Protein backbone atom coordinates (compact mmCIF):
# COMPACT_ATOMS: atom_id res chain seq x y z
CA MET A 1 -21.69 -139.48 58.18
CA THR A 2 -20.32 -138.11 61.43
CA HIS A 3 -22.13 -136.19 64.09
CA THR A 4 -20.25 -132.88 63.93
CA LEU A 5 -23.00 -130.27 64.00
CA PRO A 6 -21.94 -127.11 65.85
CA ALA A 7 -22.87 -127.99 69.38
CA GLY A 8 -25.87 -126.87 71.36
CA ARG A 9 -27.09 -123.33 71.05
CA LEU A 10 -24.90 -122.41 68.08
CA GLY A 11 -26.58 -124.97 65.83
CA LEU A 12 -30.02 -123.81 66.91
CA LEU A 13 -29.08 -120.16 66.36
CA LEU A 14 -27.92 -121.00 62.84
CA LEU A 15 -31.24 -122.68 62.10
CA ALA A 16 -33.13 -119.68 63.48
CA LEU A 17 -31.05 -117.37 61.28
CA CYS A 18 -31.95 -119.55 58.29
CA GLY A 19 -35.61 -119.08 59.20
CA VAL A 20 -35.27 -115.29 59.18
CA LEU A 21 -33.46 -115.29 55.84
CA LEU A 22 -36.05 -117.61 54.30
CA ALA A 23 -38.73 -115.04 55.17
CA TRP A 24 -36.63 -112.21 53.78
CA SER A 25 -36.02 -114.08 50.52
CA THR A 26 -39.71 -113.76 49.55
CA ALA A 27 -39.66 -109.98 50.13
CA TRP A 28 -36.50 -108.23 51.29
CA PRO A 29 -37.46 -105.86 54.14
CA TRP A 30 -35.50 -102.98 52.61
CA GLY A 31 -37.14 -102.50 49.23
CA GLY A 32 -39.54 -105.44 49.09
CA MET A 33 -37.90 -107.24 46.18
CA PRO A 34 -37.80 -111.06 46.12
CA LEU A 35 -34.34 -112.61 46.35
CA TRP A 36 -34.80 -115.86 44.46
CA TRP A 37 -31.10 -116.77 44.64
CA LEU A 38 -30.96 -116.39 48.43
CA GLN A 39 -33.70 -118.88 49.19
CA PRO A 40 -32.15 -122.12 47.87
CA LEU A 41 -28.80 -121.20 49.42
CA VAL A 42 -30.34 -120.58 52.85
CA LEU A 43 -32.53 -123.65 52.60
CA ALA A 44 -29.48 -125.70 51.61
CA VAL A 45 -27.72 -124.58 54.79
CA ALA A 46 -30.80 -125.52 56.82
CA VAL A 47 -30.94 -128.98 55.20
CA TRP A 48 -27.21 -129.43 55.89
CA LEU A 49 -27.74 -128.52 59.54
CA LEU A 50 -30.60 -130.98 59.80
CA ALA A 51 -28.57 -133.76 58.21
CA ARG A 52 -25.61 -133.14 60.51
CA SER A 53 -27.78 -133.35 63.62
CA VAL A 54 -27.93 -137.16 63.53
CA SER A 55 -25.39 -139.96 63.44
CA PRO A 56 -25.51 -143.49 61.96
CA ILE A 57 -25.95 -145.04 65.40
CA ASP A 58 -29.12 -143.09 66.18
CA SER A 59 -32.39 -145.01 66.16
CA PRO A 60 -35.24 -143.93 63.85
CA ARG A 61 -37.04 -142.49 66.88
CA GLN A 62 -34.01 -140.42 67.86
CA ARG A 63 -33.62 -139.17 64.30
CA PHE A 64 -37.29 -138.25 64.12
CA ARG A 65 -37.18 -136.33 67.39
CA ARG A 66 -34.11 -134.34 66.38
CA GLY A 67 -35.55 -133.55 62.99
CA PHE A 68 -38.94 -132.62 64.44
CA ARG A 69 -37.52 -130.21 67.01
CA ARG A 70 -35.13 -128.53 64.59
CA GLY A 71 -37.69 -128.40 61.80
CA TRP A 72 -40.17 -126.79 64.17
CA LEU A 73 -37.64 -124.15 65.20
CA LEU A 74 -36.72 -123.39 61.59
CA ALA A 75 -40.34 -123.10 60.44
CA THR A 76 -41.56 -121.14 63.48
CA VAL A 77 -38.91 -118.46 63.00
CA TRP A 78 -39.49 -118.43 59.22
CA LEU A 79 -43.26 -118.02 59.52
CA ALA A 80 -43.16 -115.52 62.38
CA SER A 81 -40.66 -113.46 60.37
CA THR A 82 -42.96 -113.70 57.35
CA PHE A 83 -46.25 -112.50 58.86
CA TRP A 84 -45.02 -110.61 61.93
CA TRP A 85 -47.17 -107.68 60.72
CA LEU A 86 -50.28 -109.43 62.08
CA TYR A 87 -49.11 -107.87 65.33
CA ILE A 88 -49.86 -104.42 63.87
CA SER A 89 -53.47 -105.29 63.08
CA MET A 90 -54.10 -106.84 66.48
CA HIS A 91 -52.26 -104.34 68.69
CA VAL A 92 -52.14 -101.01 66.85
CA TYR A 93 -55.58 -101.17 65.23
CA GLY A 94 -57.29 -103.87 67.28
CA GLY A 95 -56.34 -102.58 70.70
CA MET A 96 -55.03 -105.93 71.92
CA LEU A 97 -52.32 -105.81 74.58
CA SER A 98 -48.90 -105.83 72.94
CA GLY A 99 -47.69 -108.94 74.76
CA VAL A 100 -50.85 -110.86 73.91
CA ALA A 101 -50.64 -109.81 70.25
CA ALA A 102 -46.99 -110.87 70.00
CA LEU A 103 -47.81 -114.18 71.66
CA ALA A 104 -50.69 -114.73 69.23
CA VAL A 105 -48.36 -114.31 66.24
CA LEU A 106 -45.86 -116.75 67.75
CA LEU A 107 -48.55 -119.29 68.55
CA LEU A 108 -49.92 -119.13 65.01
CA ALA A 109 -46.43 -119.54 63.56
CA GLY A 110 -45.68 -122.38 65.95
CA ALA A 111 -48.90 -124.19 65.11
CA LEU A 112 -48.35 -123.95 61.35
CA ALA A 113 -44.71 -124.96 61.84
CA LEU A 114 -45.85 -128.39 63.05
CA TYR A 115 -46.40 -129.45 59.42
CA TYR A 116 -42.77 -128.70 58.58
CA ALA A 117 -41.54 -130.22 61.82
CA LEU A 118 -43.24 -133.47 60.88
CA ALA A 119 -41.68 -133.29 57.41
CA CYS A 120 -38.16 -132.79 58.78
CA GLY A 121 -38.62 -135.51 61.38
CA LEU A 122 -39.78 -138.02 58.77
CA TRP A 123 -36.91 -137.11 56.47
CA LEU A 124 -34.33 -137.97 59.10
CA ALA A 125 -36.25 -141.01 60.35
CA LEU A 126 -36.31 -142.40 56.80
CA GLN A 127 -32.54 -141.81 56.53
CA GLY A 128 -33.04 -139.18 53.85
CA PRO A 129 -29.53 -137.70 54.13
CA THR A 130 -27.84 -141.02 53.42
CA ARG A 131 -30.20 -142.61 50.88
CA ALA A 132 -30.11 -142.38 47.13
CA GLY A 133 -32.67 -139.78 46.14
CA GLY A 134 -32.79 -138.28 49.61
CA SER A 135 -33.04 -134.79 48.15
CA LEU A 136 -36.21 -135.75 46.30
CA LEU A 137 -37.68 -137.16 49.52
CA PHE A 138 -37.02 -133.86 51.31
CA ALA A 139 -38.73 -131.92 48.52
CA ALA A 140 -41.75 -134.25 48.62
CA LEU A 141 -42.15 -133.95 52.38
CA TRP A 142 -41.82 -130.15 52.26
CA LEU A 143 -44.39 -130.05 49.46
CA LEU A 144 -46.86 -131.99 51.60
CA ALA A 145 -46.22 -129.63 54.50
CA GLU A 146 -46.86 -126.59 52.27
CA LEU A 147 -50.08 -128.14 50.99
CA CYS A 148 -51.27 -128.85 54.52
CA ARG A 149 -50.63 -125.24 55.51
CA GLY A 150 -52.38 -123.98 52.39
CA VAL A 151 -55.49 -126.16 52.62
CA LEU A 152 -56.27 -127.44 56.11
CA PHE A 153 -58.48 -125.32 58.40
CA THR A 154 -59.29 -123.01 55.44
CA GLY A 155 -55.57 -122.57 54.73
CA PHE A 156 -53.04 -119.80 55.33
CA PRO A 157 -50.24 -120.26 52.76
CA TRP A 158 -48.91 -116.70 53.02
CA GLY A 159 -45.19 -116.65 52.27
CA ALA A 160 -44.94 -120.10 50.66
CA LEU A 161 -41.43 -120.71 49.33
CA GLY A 162 -42.45 -120.39 45.68
CA TYR A 163 -43.20 -116.67 46.03
CA ALA A 164 -39.49 -115.89 46.14
CA HIS A 165 -39.40 -117.00 42.50
CA VAL A 166 -41.64 -114.45 40.81
CA GLU A 167 -38.23 -113.42 39.52
CA GLY A 168 -35.41 -115.72 38.44
CA PRO A 169 -35.08 -118.97 36.49
CA LEU A 170 -37.76 -120.94 38.32
CA ALA A 171 -40.41 -118.32 37.47
CA GLY A 172 -40.81 -119.99 34.08
CA TRP A 173 -42.38 -123.01 35.75
CA ALA A 174 -45.31 -121.00 37.21
CA PRO A 175 -47.84 -121.52 34.35
CA TRP A 176 -47.10 -125.24 34.46
CA ILE A 177 -46.88 -126.32 38.10
CA GLY A 178 -47.90 -123.25 40.16
CA VAL A 179 -46.39 -121.80 43.30
CA TYR A 180 -46.33 -125.09 45.21
CA GLY A 181 -44.65 -126.87 42.33
CA ILE A 182 -42.00 -124.15 42.21
CA GLY A 183 -41.50 -124.57 45.95
CA PHE A 184 -40.99 -128.29 45.35
CA LEU A 185 -38.29 -127.57 42.77
CA ALA A 186 -36.60 -125.01 45.02
CA CYS A 187 -36.49 -127.53 47.89
CA TRP A 188 -35.12 -130.20 45.59
CA LEU A 189 -32.35 -127.91 44.39
CA ALA A 190 -31.51 -126.86 47.95
CA ALA A 191 -31.38 -130.46 49.18
CA LEU A 192 -29.21 -131.49 46.22
CA LEU A 193 -26.71 -128.76 47.09
CA ALA A 194 -26.78 -129.60 50.80
CA LEU A 195 -26.26 -133.33 50.36
CA ARG A 196 -23.56 -132.76 47.78
CA GLN A 197 -21.68 -130.66 50.33
CA LEU A 198 -22.45 -133.09 53.14
CA HIS A 199 -20.96 -136.13 51.42
CA GLY A 200 -18.19 -134.26 49.66
CA ARG A 201 -15.35 -136.59 48.77
CA ASN A 202 -17.38 -139.67 49.68
CA ALA A 203 -19.75 -139.03 46.76
CA SER A 204 -19.00 -140.80 43.50
CA VAL A 205 -18.13 -138.92 40.34
CA ARG A 206 -21.38 -140.17 38.84
CA GLN A 207 -23.38 -138.77 41.75
CA GLY A 208 -21.64 -135.42 41.46
CA LEU A 209 -22.31 -135.18 37.74
CA LEU A 210 -25.94 -136.18 38.22
CA THR A 211 -26.43 -133.48 40.87
CA SER A 212 -24.85 -130.81 38.69
CA ALA A 213 -26.85 -131.88 35.65
CA THR A 214 -30.14 -131.81 37.60
CA VAL A 215 -29.51 -128.30 38.94
CA VAL A 216 -28.51 -126.95 35.54
CA LEU A 217 -31.43 -128.66 33.78
CA LEU A 218 -34.08 -127.32 36.17
CA LEU A 219 -32.73 -123.77 36.01
CA PHE A 220 -32.22 -123.63 32.26
CA ALA A 221 -35.55 -125.31 31.56
CA GLY A 222 -37.22 -122.59 33.62
CA ILE A 223 -35.43 -119.89 31.62
CA ALA A 224 -36.39 -121.55 28.34
CA LEU A 225 -40.04 -121.75 29.41
CA ARG A 226 -40.10 -118.15 30.59
CA GLU A 227 -38.46 -116.67 27.51
CA GLY A 228 -39.62 -118.97 24.74
CA VAL A 229 -42.74 -120.96 25.59
CA ASN A 230 -44.84 -119.13 28.19
CA PRO A 231 -45.54 -115.96 26.16
CA GLY A 232 -47.34 -118.12 23.58
CA LEU A 233 -49.55 -120.02 26.04
CA THR A 234 -52.23 -117.32 25.82
CA MET A 235 -53.23 -114.73 23.23
CA PRO A 236 -54.65 -111.19 23.32
CA ALA A 237 -58.40 -110.94 23.95
CA GLY A 238 -60.52 -108.19 22.48
CA ASP A 239 -59.85 -105.67 19.76
CA LYS A 240 -57.74 -103.34 21.88
CA PRO A 241 -56.40 -102.79 25.41
CA LEU A 242 -58.87 -101.61 28.03
CA GLY A 243 -58.33 -98.23 29.65
CA VAL A 244 -58.48 -98.36 33.44
CA GLU A 245 -58.35 -96.08 36.46
CA LEU A 246 -57.30 -97.71 39.75
CA MET A 247 -57.98 -95.67 42.88
CA GLN A 248 -55.94 -95.60 46.08
CA GLY A 249 -57.64 -93.54 48.80
CA ASN A 250 -54.94 -93.96 51.49
CA ILE A 251 -57.48 -93.78 54.31
CA PRO A 252 -55.62 -94.50 57.60
CA GLN A 253 -56.92 -97.67 59.20
CA ASP A 254 -57.42 -96.02 62.60
CA GLU A 255 -59.74 -93.49 60.91
CA LYS A 256 -61.44 -95.76 58.36
CA PHE A 257 -64.59 -96.42 60.37
CA VAL A 258 -64.78 -93.05 62.16
CA PRO A 259 -67.87 -91.15 60.91
CA SER A 260 -66.30 -87.69 60.95
CA GLY A 261 -62.92 -88.99 59.87
CA GLY A 262 -62.23 -91.81 57.44
CA ILE A 263 -65.83 -92.46 56.44
CA GLU A 264 -66.43 -88.85 55.44
CA ALA A 265 -63.03 -88.61 53.73
CA ALA A 266 -63.66 -91.80 51.75
CA LEU A 267 -67.13 -90.82 50.60
CA VAL A 268 -65.98 -87.37 49.50
CA TRP A 269 -62.77 -88.39 47.74
CA TYR A 270 -64.05 -91.52 46.01
CA GLY A 271 -67.25 -89.71 45.06
CA GLU A 272 -65.26 -86.93 43.41
CA GLN A 273 -62.99 -89.38 41.59
CA LEU A 274 -65.90 -91.45 40.31
CA ALA A 275 -67.59 -88.33 38.99
CA ALA A 276 -64.40 -87.24 37.20
CA ALA A 277 -63.34 -90.66 35.89
CA GLN A 278 -62.70 -90.95 32.15
CA ALA A 279 -61.50 -94.54 31.68
CA PRO A 280 -63.84 -97.32 30.46
CA LEU A 281 -63.20 -99.28 33.68
CA VAL A 282 -62.80 -97.78 37.16
CA LEU A 283 -61.69 -99.94 40.08
CA LEU A 284 -61.99 -99.02 43.77
CA PRO A 285 -60.40 -100.89 46.71
CA GLU A 286 -61.95 -103.31 49.17
CA THR A 287 -64.49 -101.50 51.38
CA ALA A 288 -63.65 -98.23 49.65
CA LEU A 289 -67.14 -97.23 50.79
CA PRO A 290 -66.73 -98.35 54.42
CA ILE A 291 -70.42 -98.38 55.39
CA LEU A 292 -73.45 -100.25 54.13
CA PRO A 293 -75.31 -98.84 51.11
CA THR A 294 -78.34 -98.24 53.35
CA GLN A 295 -76.17 -96.11 55.65
CA LEU A 296 -74.89 -93.81 52.89
CA PRO A 297 -76.05 -90.20 52.74
CA PRO A 298 -79.40 -89.81 50.95
CA GLY A 299 -78.97 -89.95 47.19
CA TYR A 300 -75.28 -91.02 47.27
CA TRP A 301 -75.80 -94.54 45.92
CA GLN A 302 -78.43 -93.42 43.43
CA ALA A 303 -76.06 -90.73 42.12
CA MET A 304 -73.42 -93.39 41.43
CA GLN A 305 -75.97 -95.56 39.69
CA GLN A 306 -77.06 -92.67 37.52
CA ARG A 307 -73.45 -91.73 36.75
CA PHE A 308 -72.76 -95.16 35.21
CA ALA A 309 -76.26 -96.00 33.93
CA THR A 310 -75.41 -94.95 30.39
CA GLY A 311 -72.31 -94.35 28.31
CA GLU A 312 -69.11 -96.33 27.92
CA GLN A 313 -67.89 -96.55 31.51
CA ALA A 314 -68.24 -99.07 34.31
CA ALA A 315 -67.02 -99.09 37.92
CA LEU A 316 -66.22 -101.93 40.31
CA ILE A 317 -66.54 -100.74 43.89
CA GLY A 318 -65.60 -102.49 47.12
CA THR A 319 -68.19 -102.14 49.87
CA PRO A 320 -69.89 -104.09 52.65
CA ALA A 321 -73.44 -105.15 51.85
CA GLY A 322 -76.43 -106.77 53.49
CA THR A 323 -78.03 -106.10 56.86
CA PHE A 324 -77.09 -106.89 60.45
CA GLU A 325 -80.24 -108.97 60.78
CA THR A 326 -79.88 -111.18 57.71
CA GLY A 327 -76.10 -111.14 57.31
CA LEU A 328 -73.26 -109.04 55.94
CA ALA A 329 -70.92 -109.70 53.04
CA ASN A 330 -67.70 -108.27 51.67
CA VAL A 331 -68.59 -107.51 48.05
CA VAL A 332 -67.56 -105.85 44.83
CA VAL A 333 -70.47 -104.02 43.22
CA GLY A 334 -70.47 -103.31 39.51
CA MET A 335 -71.97 -100.00 38.42
CA VAL A 336 -72.58 -100.69 34.74
CA PRO A 337 -74.70 -99.36 31.86
CA GLY A 338 -77.90 -101.25 31.23
CA GLY A 339 -76.43 -103.10 28.25
CA ALA A 340 -73.71 -104.86 30.23
CA VAL A 341 -74.08 -108.64 30.51
CA LEU A 342 -72.63 -111.31 32.74
CA ALA A 343 -70.57 -114.35 31.86
CA GLY A 344 -71.88 -117.27 33.88
CA SER A 345 -74.80 -117.67 36.25
CA GLN A 346 -75.68 -114.81 38.56
CA PRO A 347 -76.98 -115.86 42.01
CA LEU A 348 -78.44 -112.60 43.35
CA SER A 349 -79.40 -112.59 47.02
CA GLN A 350 -82.24 -110.32 48.06
CA VAL A 351 -80.20 -109.60 51.18
CA LEU A 352 -77.56 -107.93 49.06
CA MET A 353 -79.70 -105.83 46.75
CA PRO A 354 -78.93 -102.11 46.68
CA PRO A 355 -81.43 -99.65 48.17
CA SER A 356 -83.13 -99.06 44.84
CA GLY A 357 -83.67 -102.75 44.25
CA GLN A 358 -81.95 -102.48 40.85
CA PRO A 359 -79.94 -105.69 40.20
CA GLU A 360 -76.28 -104.90 39.61
CA TYR A 361 -73.18 -106.98 39.13
CA ARG A 362 -72.16 -108.52 42.44
CA TYR A 363 -69.12 -110.48 43.52
CA LEU A 364 -69.25 -111.85 47.08
CA LYS A 365 -66.00 -112.76 48.80
CA GLN A 366 -65.98 -116.53 49.17
CA HIS A 367 -62.68 -117.29 50.97
CA LEU A 368 -63.17 -115.49 54.25
CA VAL A 369 -60.42 -114.42 56.63
CA PRO A 370 -60.39 -116.35 59.93
CA PHE A 371 -61.00 -114.06 62.93
CA GLY A 372 -61.70 -111.16 60.57
CA GLU A 373 -64.69 -112.32 58.52
CA PHE A 374 -65.64 -115.43 60.41
CA VAL A 375 -64.92 -116.60 63.93
CA PRO A 376 -63.57 -120.15 64.21
CA TYR A 377 -65.44 -122.33 66.65
CA GLY A 378 -64.28 -121.73 70.21
CA PHE A 379 -62.38 -118.50 69.51
CA GLN A 380 -65.00 -115.83 70.16
CA TRP A 381 -63.09 -114.94 73.35
CA PHE A 382 -60.04 -114.09 71.25
CA VAL A 383 -62.00 -111.85 68.88
CA ASP A 384 -63.60 -110.11 71.87
CA MET A 385 -60.14 -108.94 72.95
CA MET A 386 -59.93 -106.64 69.91
CA VAL A 387 -61.83 -103.49 69.02
CA MET A 388 -62.53 -104.24 65.35
CA PRO A 389 -65.57 -104.48 63.07
CA LEU A 390 -65.33 -108.27 63.02
CA GLY A 391 -67.97 -110.93 62.65
CA ASN A 392 -69.35 -113.80 60.60
CA PHE A 393 -69.83 -112.75 56.98
CA LEU A 394 -71.86 -114.45 54.28
CA ARG A 395 -69.79 -116.52 51.86
CA GLY A 396 -70.05 -116.29 48.08
CA ASP A 397 -70.09 -119.18 45.61
CA ALA A 398 -66.84 -120.73 44.41
CA ASN A 399 -67.43 -119.94 40.73
CA GLN A 400 -69.14 -116.57 40.43
CA PRO A 401 -69.94 -114.74 37.20
CA ARG A 402 -67.56 -112.52 35.32
CA LEU A 403 -68.46 -109.01 34.24
CA LEU A 404 -68.49 -108.88 30.43
CA TRP A 405 -67.41 -105.36 29.54
CA GLN A 406 -65.73 -103.81 26.49
CA GLY A 407 -64.98 -107.24 25.06
CA GLN A 408 -63.36 -108.49 28.29
CA ARG A 409 -64.50 -110.92 30.96
CA ILE A 410 -63.43 -109.37 34.25
CA GLN A 411 -63.23 -111.53 37.39
CA PRO A 412 -62.84 -109.74 40.75
CA ASN A 413 -61.27 -111.22 43.85
CA ILE A 414 -61.06 -109.62 47.26
CA CYS A 415 -57.99 -109.21 49.47
CA TYR A 416 -56.19 -112.46 50.18
CA GLU A 417 -58.42 -114.53 47.91
CA ASP A 418 -55.65 -114.19 45.34
CA LEU A 419 -53.52 -116.26 47.72
CA PHE A 420 -55.40 -119.36 46.53
CA GLY A 421 -54.53 -119.96 42.90
CA GLU A 422 -56.39 -123.25 42.77
CA GLU A 423 -59.60 -121.45 43.77
CA LEU A 424 -59.18 -118.74 41.14
CA ALA A 425 -58.56 -121.50 38.60
CA VAL A 426 -62.10 -122.83 39.13
CA SER A 427 -63.41 -120.01 36.93
CA PHE A 428 -61.24 -121.34 34.08
CA THR A 429 -62.97 -124.71 33.76
CA ASP A 430 -64.99 -123.44 30.79
CA PRO A 431 -62.47 -121.83 28.40
CA GLY A 432 -65.22 -119.92 26.61
CA GLN A 433 -66.31 -118.24 29.86
CA ALA A 434 -62.88 -117.96 31.51
CA PRO A 435 -61.79 -114.52 32.73
CA THR A 436 -59.61 -112.44 30.45
CA ILE A 437 -58.69 -109.98 33.22
CA LEU A 438 -58.36 -110.53 36.98
CA ALA A 439 -59.06 -107.65 39.37
CA ASN A 440 -57.99 -107.69 43.02
CA VAL A 441 -59.36 -105.15 45.50
CA SER A 442 -57.66 -105.03 48.89
CA ASN A 443 -57.15 -103.06 52.07
CA ILE A 444 -53.69 -103.80 53.49
CA ALA A 445 -53.86 -100.72 55.74
CA TRP A 446 -54.52 -103.17 58.60
CA PHE A 447 -50.80 -103.99 58.49
CA GLY A 448 -49.35 -100.49 58.27
CA ASP A 449 -46.31 -99.58 56.21
CA SER A 450 -44.90 -103.10 56.32
CA VAL A 451 -43.56 -105.75 54.00
CA ALA A 452 -47.09 -107.17 53.77
CA ILE A 453 -47.68 -104.71 50.91
CA ASP A 454 -44.75 -106.13 48.95
CA GLN A 455 -45.60 -109.73 49.77
CA HIS A 456 -49.15 -109.25 48.49
CA ARG A 457 -47.87 -107.72 45.26
CA HIS A 458 -45.72 -110.81 44.69
CA ILE A 459 -48.72 -113.04 45.38
CA SER A 460 -50.69 -111.25 42.65
CA ARG A 461 -47.73 -111.55 40.29
CA MET A 462 -47.62 -115.30 40.86
CA ARG A 463 -51.36 -115.62 40.14
CA ALA A 464 -50.90 -113.67 36.91
CA MET A 465 -48.12 -116.04 35.82
CA GLU A 466 -49.98 -119.20 36.84
CA LEU A 467 -53.19 -118.29 35.05
CA GLY A 468 -51.76 -116.27 32.16
CA ARG A 469 -53.95 -113.26 32.92
CA PRO A 470 -53.23 -109.62 33.77
CA MET A 471 -54.04 -108.63 37.34
CA LEU A 472 -55.40 -105.20 38.23
CA ARG A 473 -54.84 -104.20 41.85
CA ALA A 474 -56.78 -101.39 43.55
CA THR A 475 -55.83 -101.03 47.21
CA ASN A 476 -56.32 -98.55 50.01
CA THR A 477 -52.63 -97.97 50.82
CA GLY A 478 -50.72 -100.10 48.27
CA SER A 479 -49.72 -101.84 46.17
CA THR A 480 -52.05 -100.40 43.53
CA ALA A 481 -50.67 -101.70 40.25
CA ILE A 482 -51.21 -103.06 36.75
CA ILE A 483 -49.55 -106.47 36.34
CA ASP A 484 -49.36 -108.14 32.94
CA HIS A 485 -50.02 -111.81 32.15
CA LEU A 486 -46.34 -112.66 32.61
CA GLY A 487 -46.31 -111.30 36.15
CA GLN A 488 -44.46 -108.09 35.38
CA VAL A 489 -45.53 -104.87 37.10
CA GLN A 490 -46.31 -102.40 34.32
CA GLN A 491 -47.38 -99.44 36.47
CA GLU A 492 -47.67 -98.85 40.21
CA LEU A 493 -48.65 -96.02 42.53
CA PRO A 494 -46.36 -95.06 45.43
CA ARG A 495 -47.50 -96.71 48.63
CA LEU A 496 -49.27 -94.72 51.33
CA GLU A 497 -50.16 -91.90 48.94
CA ARG A 498 -53.58 -90.90 47.66
CA GLY A 499 -53.85 -91.13 43.90
CA VAL A 500 -55.35 -92.60 40.74
CA LEU A 501 -53.38 -94.95 38.51
CA ARG A 502 -54.34 -94.49 34.87
CA GLY A 503 -53.23 -96.98 32.28
CA GLN A 504 -54.24 -99.75 29.91
CA VAL A 505 -54.49 -103.49 30.29
CA GLN A 506 -54.53 -106.12 27.57
CA GLY A 507 -56.83 -109.03 28.36
CA ARG A 508 -55.75 -112.57 27.47
CA GLU A 509 -57.51 -115.76 26.46
CA GLY A 510 -56.38 -119.35 26.21
CA LEU A 511 -55.46 -121.57 29.16
CA THR A 512 -52.11 -122.25 30.79
CA PRO A 513 -51.41 -125.85 31.82
CA PHE A 514 -51.84 -124.82 35.48
CA ALA A 515 -55.24 -123.27 34.76
CA ARG A 516 -56.33 -126.48 33.03
CA TRP A 517 -55.34 -128.99 35.67
CA ALA A 518 -55.90 -126.85 38.77
CA GLY A 519 -59.32 -125.73 37.52
CA GLN A 520 -60.44 -129.34 37.07
CA LEU A 521 -58.52 -131.16 39.80
CA GLY A 522 -57.50 -128.53 42.33
CA LEU A 523 -54.25 -129.37 44.10
CA TRP A 524 -54.78 -133.15 43.99
CA PRO A 525 -52.00 -133.80 41.44
CA LEU A 526 -49.48 -132.23 43.84
CA TRP A 527 -50.89 -134.12 46.81
CA LEU A 528 -50.52 -137.36 44.84
CA LEU A 529 -46.97 -136.48 43.76
CA GLY A 530 -45.85 -135.87 47.33
CA ALA A 531 -47.63 -138.92 48.69
CA ALA A 532 -46.29 -141.19 45.93
CA LEU A 533 -42.70 -140.12 46.53
CA LEU A 534 -43.10 -140.56 50.27
CA ALA A 535 -44.59 -144.02 49.83
CA LEU A 536 -41.81 -144.99 47.43
CA PHE A 537 -39.13 -144.13 49.97
CA ALA A 538 -41.01 -145.52 52.97
CA LEU A 539 -41.70 -148.91 51.37
CA ARG A 540 -38.52 -149.63 49.47
CA PRO A 541 -35.38 -150.98 51.19
CA SER A 542 -32.83 -148.39 52.20
CA ARG A 543 -30.07 -148.04 49.61
CA PRO A 544 -27.05 -145.82 50.32
CA ARG A 545 -25.96 -143.11 47.94
CA GLY A 546 -23.73 -144.19 45.13
């Protein structure tokens, strides 16, 4: 292998461009669709650039340094281009100085990029480009980097590579190996293509045939799973589909907590819609009622309770709860007739009881947002730079009860909790009590009219595919949608418009392979896969490609 990478700045610019395109592959900025085919091609170019940055005479330390620096650049640009919209929440709505907000996004991206920098450095140090199976080593190292980003320090796996594949051939693997497993396969395919191009004529016919066969097998196996096997992994639950109404208030974030503005508008509009609702299940967004139940106008909460105390309707409502003295929580409250029951244990906190003292269904958000719902140690100074209703919220239990309603077991999750499929899978450990419908309530208005709306929709689609359950989404500004158990969007409201989405959802029962192993073991099987492959390559003698 010769050292013929485009010199200096050109090579770095190409890697930076790859980072931008990797971000765009998960949600194209103009339309929001995922471009599954773009990702492996762009990643293949990035792997090729990495491989061409070293020569046979370089020492392992030199190879590691080159790989680390280039991997860090690639990942920093990729991640900053993925969640650049954090700038909107900090500057536009948080009042942080624009330069400080931009720097904060870059620092976060740069810190998370260190995982991928280490992966790229190790790949070159272990002579991945020239060794037999080097493509598999790259995929294993990238998998470990993705897992570190998704788990360590509470995790922030937004924009993981696998989300580009809610469409396309690799989508069929979702119920089996989850989003991180799909990312592993995508990296393997990309590295196979890159190393095939890198070695070109020097590769043996056998190696070329093996590469082609591996690519074709992985893609066609995914198609076969998606079209033939996955639809039969679960079965319909209940006698009939459940009618739903999903509400989207479109309350501007800069008015949401203004008493004479967003608060009044929310209470009036949502109150009117709840009174007029006809569907058996009504779902409101995260903090649809933006103030505590004790701060509501006299009789408001009691009127809602009375509205759903009898009959054949129930409502799940996002609201803050608790007190400033004993603690606040981000919760979903279930307004249900007296005959409704719960699936699972119900830990009710006296802190979170409604004003009347009547016990209702409660789901407490358990995976809290750093800087938004809890302040990491040593970062209070950073939070103090923003004008936001931030603080340390109470945390719910990992496996909270489902609402048993109309023959369905409904499991809420709040905002970016649906980013953690392994945590949602915990509620599937007992098949008889497993959810039949998932319901996400969110407020993405913090990030304006940005690609964050599309990215979050794809995240929910991936969870639906992994767990084999439909996902209902009620959001403030979008994407409010009904997603079936195969990850397909059945209905969706236009973003940034006030409206009610009326439709039906068919619950599902039965467990996907992912739900089985992730519910029992979490992500440990993937950790062990990555670590085993790394150990295999690190310990065995180097053998050149055949």
